[in-house]
Structures are given as C-alpha cells and as structure tokens.
Amino acid sequence: MTDAASDSGPRPGSEPKTPAASDSGPRPGSEPKTPAAARLVVDCRPLIDGPDRFLAVRRALAVDAAASSVARVRGAAVEVDLRIEAAVGGFVVHGRIDGAWAGECRRCLEEVSGPLEAPVREVFEASPAEGETWPVADDRIDLAPMAREAAMLALPLAPLCSPDCPGPEPDRFPTGPASSASAGDPDPGPGRDPRWAALDRLVFDS
C-alpha cells in the first residue's frame, strides 16, 4: 500500500508554512490539471507519535463513479484540499473539494456546467458507524471514498442553463399531437422531438 503524499503541520514553536501558489487548488469551475489518483491513503502516525498537529493533503483525485441521473463530475476528477487532525479515538478531516460538473438543463436539455464546491468535515475512527463516520486501519485513512461521496452529493439535482430558461426551442424541436399523413390527414402537423425517439423502443408488460 502506498501512502499518499501529505504535508505535515508545523512543529510547536514554529511558524505555519504558507502553501505554495501551485497548491492552492483550482479555480471554481475548473478541472484538475495534475494526474488524478484513484486512492488517497494517508499515514496518520505522525499525528500520534510525532509533534505534528495536523496533516495537509492537496492533490487531484479520480471520481469516476461520482454521477447522478442528471449531472456528472466534469473530467471525472476533483481537487481535494483537506486538513487531518487527531481526535479522541480517531481523526477529524475538514476542508473542501473543488471541481466542475456538467449535465443537461432540465428544461431545454442543452449542455450546462458549473463549479463544484463541497465543504468537508468528517470523522474517521477504528469502529465507524455506518453512514456517519469512516474507518481507520493501522493508523491510516483512505480519503477517496469520502471525497467521492462528497462530490456526488454536491452535484445539482435539477440543473438549469439559466433561471429564465423557457424550455425547448419550438423551431428546432417542435412539439404537439402526432398525426399520420398516411391516414389521409392533409396536414401532418409538427413532428416529434427526435430526442424522445429512444422511448419508442420501450416495451411495457400488459
């Protein structure tokens, strides 16, 4: 198991280090530029055996599974900017997750995107409570599952390209009752929206 690279906190009596500009994370709405890791395992023993008061973790993380029925994480990766501190019986992780999302406007179905920003404050402990805390194994914690869940929960439930989006464009996607020219109707009327063609292949049990 390879431990993720992390920055240790300042020793007592020393001045806190100022993160370099390259470690400040992406701008809201941008995709991570550094290679994304699939796991993010951090060795927390320096918080127990050493003088460090916290560990800072900043890097890109792959979040392939972070998607909903209407939106997804753009680029399938986010940037994590987290701080790990020792607590009674475990560790507390807090910070933020930044990235971008993309999806379809719920009214006009055009592509829409926006910034993904998720604040994080989670507890890791040896005996985690399902759905409430995260596990610790050999004084190591894997931040990846927690970050993926936070990214997924930050996706919009009903994306809109703009608050005043009027919906589909009638000239491009005409709507109305279907009619058949073969049945003798001289005016077949507007055709169906081609984006709904996949529904014609659905078969329901009677």
Foldseek 3Di string as FASTA:
>chain_A
DDAADKAFFDAPPDDTDDDDPVQPFDDFAAADPDDADAWHKHQQVCQVPHRTFKIWDWDKHAQQPQADPFKGFPPRIWIFTWIWGDDVQFIKIWDKIKGKMWGAAQFAGDIAMTIFIFTDIATEHCDDDPPHHHYADPNMGICNVVNSVRRNVRDDPHDHNDPVDPGHDCVQANDDDAADVVVVDPDRDDDHGVVCVVVVPDDDDD
